């Protein structure tokens, strides 16, 4: 993936996030990481260039994907400051600019699609970690500490992103790429 020279201040990771250690977005020399940096019009425009919209379903992020969680990642810069953020959290900031950096407020995916950035009550909405875990347990997606699955979430997200980038039908994406449960029902624990 190449960075558009007209947006050199706003690039996604130059290599997919799956090739970097978790949380190691290396800023350019002289650029300071600023977790309080707020989106501006230019960052918002660049963000939407990496989203596939559908009329009824998820709005799919087709930019960088983080590993191992499979969520979209977006990095934006302004005045030698940069912020790397989950794509769904950036979408929430566009709708709720007062969201800020409070760790108690998280973006919950009620559609169960890690690449979804559609902010509404059926897709991505503001919630708490407690509510999110309760929801996951209710769906059977959280059955304790079982770190391996047949296909991990990041690999699934990368396959879905590639499908959409290559012109795949976004209305068929959810059916073709069923979300990977955190812990399959037939998976045994390690201990």
C-alpha atoms as a PDB file:
ATOM      1  CA  UNK A   1       0.000   0.000   0.000  1.00  0.00           C
ATOM      2  CA  UNK A   2       1.438   3.348  -0.910  1.00  0.00           C
ATOM      3  CA  UNK A   3       0.807   6.667   0.744  1.00  0.00           C
ATOM      4  CA  UNK A   4      -0.746   9.349  -1.458  1.00  0.00           C
ATOM      5  CA  UNK A   5       1.860  12.151  -1.770  1.00  0.00           C
ATOM      6  CA  UNK A   6      -0.950  14.733  -1.619  1.00  0.00           C
ATOM      7  CA  UNK A   7      -1.798  13.385   1.829  1.00  0.00           C
ATOM      8  CA  UNK A   8       1.709  12.774   3.175  1.00  0.00           C
ATOM      9  CA  UNK A   9       0.656  14.335   6.465  1.00  0.00           C
ATOM     10  CA  UNK A  10      -2.245  11.882   6.767  1.00  0.00           C
ATOM     11  CA  UNK A  11      -0.922   8.518   5.656  1.00  0.00           C
ATOM     12  CA  UNK A  12      -2.110   5.151   6.749  1.00  0.00           C
ATOM     13  CA  UNK A  13       0.672   2.839   7.791  1.00  0.00           C
ATOM     14  CA  UNK A  14       3.051   2.397   4.855  1.00  0.00           C
ATOM     15  CA  UNK A  15       2.926  -1.363   5.441  1.00  0.00           C
ATOM     16  CA  UNK A  16      -0.082  -3.273   6.745  1.00  0.00           C
ATOM     17  CA  UNK A  17      -0.352  -3.243  10.518  1.00  0.00           C
ATOM     18  CA  UNK A  18      -0.104  -7.045  10.537  1.00  0.00           C
ATOM     19  CA  UNK A  19       3.626  -6.611   9.764  1.00  0.00           C
ATOM     20  CA  UNK A  20       4.240  -4.447  12.820  1.00  0.00           C
ATOM     21  CA  UNK A  21       4.354  -5.379  16.455  1.00  0.00           C
ATOM     22  CA  UNK A  22       1.167  -4.377  18.247  1.00  0.00           C
ATOM     23  CA  UNK A  23       1.091  -0.712  19.172  1.00  0.00           C
ATOM     24  CA  UNK A  24       4.307   0.239  17.389  1.00  0.00           C
ATOM     25  CA  UNK A  25       3.199   2.871  14.900  1.00  0.00           C
ATOM     26  CA  UNK A  26       6.503   4.680  14.491  1.00  0.00           C
ATOM     27  CA  UNK A  27       6.084   8.405  13.940  1.00  0.00           C
ATOM     28  CA  UNK A  28       8.238  10.217  11.401  1.00  0.00           C
ATOM     29  CA  UNK A  29      11.212  12.147  12.795  1.00  0.00           C
ATOM     30  CA  UNK A  30      10.023  15.296  14.547  1.00  0.00           C
ATOM     31  CA  UNK A  31       6.428  14.030  14.855  1.00  0.00           C
ATOM     32  CA  UNK A  32       5.005  13.679  18.349  1.00  0.00           C
ATOM     33  CA  UNK A  33       2.302  11.148  19.194  1.00  0.00           C
ATOM     34  CA  UNK A  34      -0.652  13.038  20.667  1.00  0.00           C
ATOM     35  CA  UNK A  35      -3.584  10.938  21.973  1.00  0.00           C
ATOM     36  CA  UNK A  36      -5.671  14.118  22.370  1.00  0.00           C
ATOM     37  CA  UNK A  37      -5.353  15.253  18.739  1.00  0.00           C
ATOM     38  CA  UNK A  38      -8.853  15.865  17.377  1.00  0.00           C
ATOM     39  CA  UNK A  39      -9.979  15.194  13.808  1.00  0.00           C
ATOM     40  CA  UNK A  40     -10.109  18.081  11.351  1.00  0.00           C
ATOM     41  CA  UNK A  41     -11.797  18.275   7.928  1.00  0.00           C
ATOM     42  CA  UNK A  42      -8.722  16.966   6.132  1.00  0.00           C
ATOM     43  CA  UNK A  43      -8.421  13.927   8.407  1.00  0.00           C
ATOM     44  CA  UNK A  44     -12.144  13.249   8.024  1.00  0.00           C
ATOM     45  CA  UNK A  45     -11.911  13.422   4.229  1.00  0.00           C
ATOM     46  CA  UNK A  46      -8.948  11.032   4.233  1.00  0.00           C
ATOM     47  CA  UNK A  47     -10.795   8.655   6.572  1.00  0.00           C
ATOM     48  CA  UNK A  48     -13.841   8.374   4.287  1.00  0.00           C
ATOM     49  CA  UNK A  49     -11.589   7.489   1.331  1.00  0.00           C
ATOM     50  CA  UNK A  50     -11.015   4.158   3.111  1.00  0.00           C
ATOM     51  CA  UNK A  51     -14.651   3.259   3.797  1.00  0.00           C
ATOM     52  CA  UNK A  52     -17.050   1.201   1.669  1.00  0.00           C
ATOM     53  CA  UNK A  53     -20.612   2.343   2.376  1.00  0.00           C
ATOM     54  CA  UNK A  54     -23.674   0.123   2.083  1.00  0.00           C
ATOM     55  CA  UNK A  55     -27.277   1.347   2.231  1.00  0.00           C
ATOM     56  CA  UNK A  56     -28.442  -1.095   4.915  1.00  0.00           C
ATOM     57  CA  UNK A  57     -25.499  -2.913   6.435  1.00  0.00           C
ATOM     58  CA  UNK A  58     -22.034  -2.266   7.764  1.00  0.00           C
ATOM     59  CA  UNK A  59     -19.770   0.488   6.488  1.00  0.00           C
ATOM     60  CA  UNK A  60     -16.498  -1.374   5.960  1.00  0.00           C
ATOM     61  CA  UNK A  61     -13.058   0.029   6.746  1.00  0.00           C
ATOM     62  CA  UNK A  62     -10.593  -0.986   3.999  1.00  0.00           C
ATOM     63  CA  UNK A  63      -7.474   0.724   5.369  1.00  0.00           C
ATOM     64  CA  UNK A  64      -4.925  -0.611   7.850  1.00  0.00           C
ATOM     65  CA  UNK A  65      -5.881  -3.573  10.063  1.00  0.00           C
ATOM     66  CA  UNK A  66      -4.378  -4.137  13.488  1.00  0.00           C
ATOM     67  CA  UNK A  67      -3.166  -7.464  14.753  1.00  0.00           C
ATOM     68  CA  UNK A  68      -4.220  -9.542  16.637  1.00  0.00           C
ATOM     69  CA  UNK A  69      -7.678  -7.980  17.132  1.00  0.00           C
ATOM     70  CA  UNK A  70      -8.595  -7.386  13.466  1.00  0.00           C
ATOM     71  CA  UNK A  71      -9.965  -3.877  14.011  1.00  0.00           C
ATOM     72  CA  UNK A  72      -9.311  -1.095  11.532  1.00  0.00           C
ATOM     73  CA  UNK A  73      -6.571   1.436  12.357  1.00  0.00           C
ATOM     74  CA  UNK A  74      -6.290   5.023  11.191  1.00  0.00           C
ATOM     75  CA  UNK A  75      -3.438   7.470  11.700  1.00  0.00           C
ATOM     76  CA  UNK A  76      -3.822  11.183  11.103  1.00  0.00           C
ATOM     77  CA  UNK A  77      -1.371  14.051  11.498  1.00  0.00           C
ATOM     78  CA  UNK A  78      -1.440  17.787  11.924  1.00  0.00           C
ATOM     79  CA  UNK A  79       1.339  20.262  12.810  1.00  0.00           C
ATOM     80  CA  UNK A  80       3.963  17.600  13.633  1.00  0.00           C
ATOM     81  CA  UNK A  81       1.534  15.698  15.861  1.00  0.00           C
ATOM     82  CA  UNK A  82      -0.060  12.375  15.042  1.00  0.00           C
ATOM     83  CA  UNK A  83      -2.643  10.069  16.513  1.00  0.00           C
ATOM     84  CA  UNK A  84      -3.176   6.395  15.727  1.00  0.00           C
ATOM     85  CA  UNK A  85      -6.677   5.276  16.619  1.00  0.00           C
ATOM     86  CA  UNK A  86      -9.114   2.460  15.960  1.00  0.00           C
ATOM     87  CA  UNK A  87     -11.118   3.251  12.832  1.00  0.00           C
ATOM     88  CA  UNK A  88     -14.424   2.734  14.639  1.00  0.00           C
ATOM     89  CA  UNK A  89     -13.348   5.089  17.440  1.00  0.00           C
ATOM     90  CA  UNK A  90     -12.421   7.736  14.849  1.00  0.00           C
ATOM     91  CA  UNK A  91     -15.912   7.335  13.342  1.00  0.00           C
ATOM     92  CA  UNK A  92     -17.386   7.804  16.829  1.00  0.00           C
ATOM     93  CA  UNK A  93     -15.306  10.978  17.283  1.00  0.00           C
ATOM     94  CA  UNK A  94     -16.768  12.386  14.070  1.00  0.00           C
ATOM     95  CA  UNK A  95     -20.298  11.948  15.435  1.00  0.00           C
ATOM     96  CA  UNK A  96     -19.466  12.623  19.104  1.00  0.00           C
ATOM     97  CA  UNK A  97     -16.559  15.127  19.178  1.00  0.00           C
ATOM     98  CA  UNK A  98     -16.807  15.356  22.979  1.00  0.00           C
ATOM     99  CA  UNK A  99     -15.930  11.644  23.323  1.00  0.00           C
ATOM    100  CA  UNK A 100     -12.302  12.523  23.999  1.00  0.00           C
ATOM    101  CA  UNK A 101      -9.811  10.029  25.374  1.00  0.00           C
ATOM    102  CA  UNK A 102     -11.780   8.694  28.354  1.00  0.00           C
ATOM    103  CA  UNK A 103     -10.864   5.023  28.562  1.00  0.00           C
ATOM    104  CA  UNK A 104     -14.241   4.271  30.197  1.00  0.00           C
ATOM    105  CA  UNK A 105     -16.039   5.034  26.911  1.00  0.00           C
ATOM    106  CA  UNK A 106     -15.430   2.433  24.230  1.00  0.00           C
ATOM    107  CA  UNK A 107     -16.847   1.744  20.792  1.00  0.00           C
ATOM    108  CA  UNK A 108     -19.064  -1.333  20.875  1.00  0.00           C
ATOM    109  CA  UNK A 109     -19.707  -3.292  17.669  1.00  0.00           C
ATOM    110  CA  UNK A 110     -23.297  -4.510  17.907  1.00  0.00           C
ATOM    111  CA  UNK A 111     -23.042  -5.806  14.340  1.00  0.00           C
ATOM    112  CA  UNK A 112     -20.083  -7.979  15.435  1.00  0.00           C
ATOM    113  CA  UNK A 113     -17.998  -6.766  12.489  1.00  0.00           C
ATOM    114  CA  UNK A 114     -14.515  -5.543  13.539  1.00  0.00           C
ATOM    115  CA  UNK A 115     -14.149  -3.486  10.326  1.00  0.00           C
ATOM    116  CA  UNK A 116     -17.501  -1.689  10.669  1.00  0.00           C
ATOM    117  CA  UNK A 117     -17.358   2.095  11.144  1.00  0.00           C
ATOM    118  CA  UNK A 118     -21.101   2.845  10.828  1.00  0.00           C
ATOM    119  CA  UNK A 119     -22.152   4.817  13.908  1.00  0.00           C
ATOM    120  CA  UNK A 120     -25.717   3.925  14.850  1.00  0.00           C
ATOM    121  CA  UNK A 121     -27.473   1.763  17.435  1.00  0.00           C
ATOM    122  CA  UNK A 122     -27.261  -1.420  15.335  1.00  0.00           C
ATOM    123  CA  UNK A 123     -23.576  -1.101  14.434  1.00  0.00           C
ATOM    124  CA  UNK A 124     -21.014   0.980  16.373  1.00  0.00           C
ATOM    125  CA  UNK A 125     -22.060   2.897  19.454  1.00  0.00           C
ATOM    126  CA  UNK A 126     -20.581   4.294  22.628  1.00  0.00           C
ATOM    127  CA  UNK A 127     -20.584   1.861  25.512  1.00  0.00           C
ATOM    128  CA  UNK A 128     -18.598   0.619  28.464  1.00  0.00           C
ATOM    129  CA  UNK A 129     -16.241  -2.324  28.759  1.00  0.00           C
ATOM    130  CA  UNK A 130     -18.688  -3.975  31.171  1.00  0.00           C
ATOM    131  CA  UNK A 131     -21.582  -3.704  28.702  1.00  0.00           C
ATOM    132  CA  UNK A 132     -19.379  -4.908  25.853  1.00  0.00           C
ATOM    133  CA  UNK A 133     -18.234  -7.998  27.774  1.00  0.00           C
ATOM    134  CA  UNK A 134     -21.799  -8.763  28.876  1.00  0.00           C
ATOM    135  CA  UNK A 135     -22.911  -8.587  25.241  1.00  0.00           C
ATOM    136  CA  UNK A 136     -20.028 -10.822  24.100  1.00  0.00           C
ATOM    137  CA  UNK A 137     -20.772 -13.427  26.780  1.00  0.00           C
ATOM    138  CA  UNK A 138     -24.465 -13.368  25.833  1.00  0.00           C
ATOM    139  CA  UNK A 139     -23.527 -14.183  22.228  1.00  0.00           C
ATOM    140  CA  UNK A 140     -21.109 -16.901  23.299  1.00  0.00           C
ATOM    141  CA  UNK A 141     -18.131 -14.957  21.960  1.00  0.00           C
ATOM    142  CA  UNK A 142     -16.241 -14.860  25.244  1.00  0.00           C
ATOM    143  CA  UNK A 143     -15.630 -18.176  26.946  1.00  0.00           C
ATOM    144  CA  UNK A 144     -12.484 -17.463  28.885  1.00  0.00           C
ATOM    145  CA  UNK A 145      -8.807 -17.400  28.013  1.00  0.00           C
ATOM    146  CA  UNK A 146      -8.384 -19.473  24.848  1.00  0.00           C
ATOM    147  CA  UNK A 147      -5.826 -17.785  22.633  1.00  0.00           C
ATOM    148  CA  UNK A 148      -5.976 -19.822  19.423  1.00  0.00           C
ATOM    149  CA  UNK A 149      -8.663 -20.279  16.749  1.00  0.00           C
ATOM    150  CA  UNK A 150      -8.757 -21.922  13.326  1.00  0.00           C
ATOM    151  CA  UNK A 151      -8.546 -18.475  11.736  1.00  0.00           C
ATOM    152  CA  UNK A 152      -7.741 -15.425  13.775  1.00  0.00           C
ATOM    153  CA  UNK A 153      -9.672 -12.180  13.674  1.00  0.00           C
ATOM    154  CA  UNK A 154      -6.859 -10.218  12.029  1.00  0.00           C
ATOM    155  CA  UNK A 155      -6.511 -12.736   9.178  1.00  0.00           C
ATOM    156  CA  UNK A 156     -10.283 -12.702   8.645  1.00  0.00           C
ATOM    157  CA  UNK A 157     -10.327  -8.884   8.583  1.00  0.00           C
ATOM    158  CA  UNK A 158      -7.453  -8.769   6.084  1.00  0.00           C
ATOM    159  CA  UNK A 159      -9.267 -11.274   3.821  1.00  0.00           C
ATOM    160  CA  UNK A 160     -12.472  -9.220   4.014  1.00  0.00           C
ATOM    161  CA  UNK A 161     -10.584  -5.982   3.329  1.00  0.00           C
ATOM    162  CA  UNK A 162      -8.878  -7.550   0.294  1.00  0.00           C
ATOM    163  CA  UNK A 163     -12.219  -8.853  -1.004  1.00  0.00           C
ATOM    164  CA  UNK A 164     -13.749  -5.373  -0.803  1.00  0.00           C
ATOM    165  CA  UNK A 165     -10.690  -3.609  -2.243  1.00  0.00           C
ATOM    166  CA  UNK A 166     -10.772  -6.004  -5.190  1.00  0.00           C
ATOM    167  CA  UNK A 167     -14.366  -5.020  -5.967  1.00  0.00           C
ATOM    168  CA  UNK A 168     -16.256  -7.614  -3.920  1.00  0.00           C
ATOM    169  CA  UNK A 169     -19.940  -7.009  -3.187  1.00  0.00           C
ATOM    170  CA  UNK A 170     -20.221  -5.315   0.238  1.00  0.00           C
ATOM    171  CA  UNK A 171     -23.806  -6.574   0.601  1.00  0.00           C
ATOM    172  CA  UNK A 172     -22.463 -10.160   0.474  1.00  0.00           C
ATOM    173  CA  UNK A 173     -19.423  -9.548   2.681  1.00  0.00           C
ATOM    174  CA  UNK A 174     -21.031 -10.361   6.028  1.00  0.00           C
ATOM    175  CA  UNK A 175     -22.441 -13.634   4.669  1.00  0.00           C
ATOM    176  CA  UNK A 176     -19.155 -14.666   3.022  1.00  0.00           C
ATOM    177  CA  UNK A 177     -16.899 -13.634   5.898  1.00  0.00           C
ATOM    178  CA  UNK A 178     -18.761 -14.590   9.046  1.00  0.00           C
ATOM    179  CA  UNK A 179     -17.227 -12.913  12.102  1.00  0.00           C
ATOM    180  CA  UNK A 180     -14.780 -15.167  13.917  1.00  0.00           C
ATOM    181  CA  UNK A 181     -15.875 -15.886  17.476  1.00  0.00           C
ATOM    182  CA  UNK A 182     -13.367 -15.007  20.181  1.00  0.00           C
ATOM    183  CA  UNK A 183     -13.491 -18.591  21.350  1.00  0.00           C
ATOM    184  CA  UNK A 184     -15.216 -21.319  19.333  1.00  0.00           C
ATOM    185  CA  UNK A 185     -17.604 -23.527  21.306  1.00  0.00           C
ATOM    186  CA  UNK A 186     -15.623 -26.691  20.507  1.00  0.00           C
ATOM    187  CA  UNK A 187     -12.230 -25.259  21.422  1.00  0.00           C
ATOM    188  CA  UNK A 188     -10.635 -26.660  24.548  1.00  0.00           C
ATOM    189  CA  UNK A 189      -8.796 -24.461  27.009  1.00  0.00           C
ATOM    190  CA  UNK A 190      -5.060 -24.779  27.467  1.00  0.00           C
ATOM    191  CA  UNK A 191      -5.308 -25.273  31.234  1.00  0.00           C
END
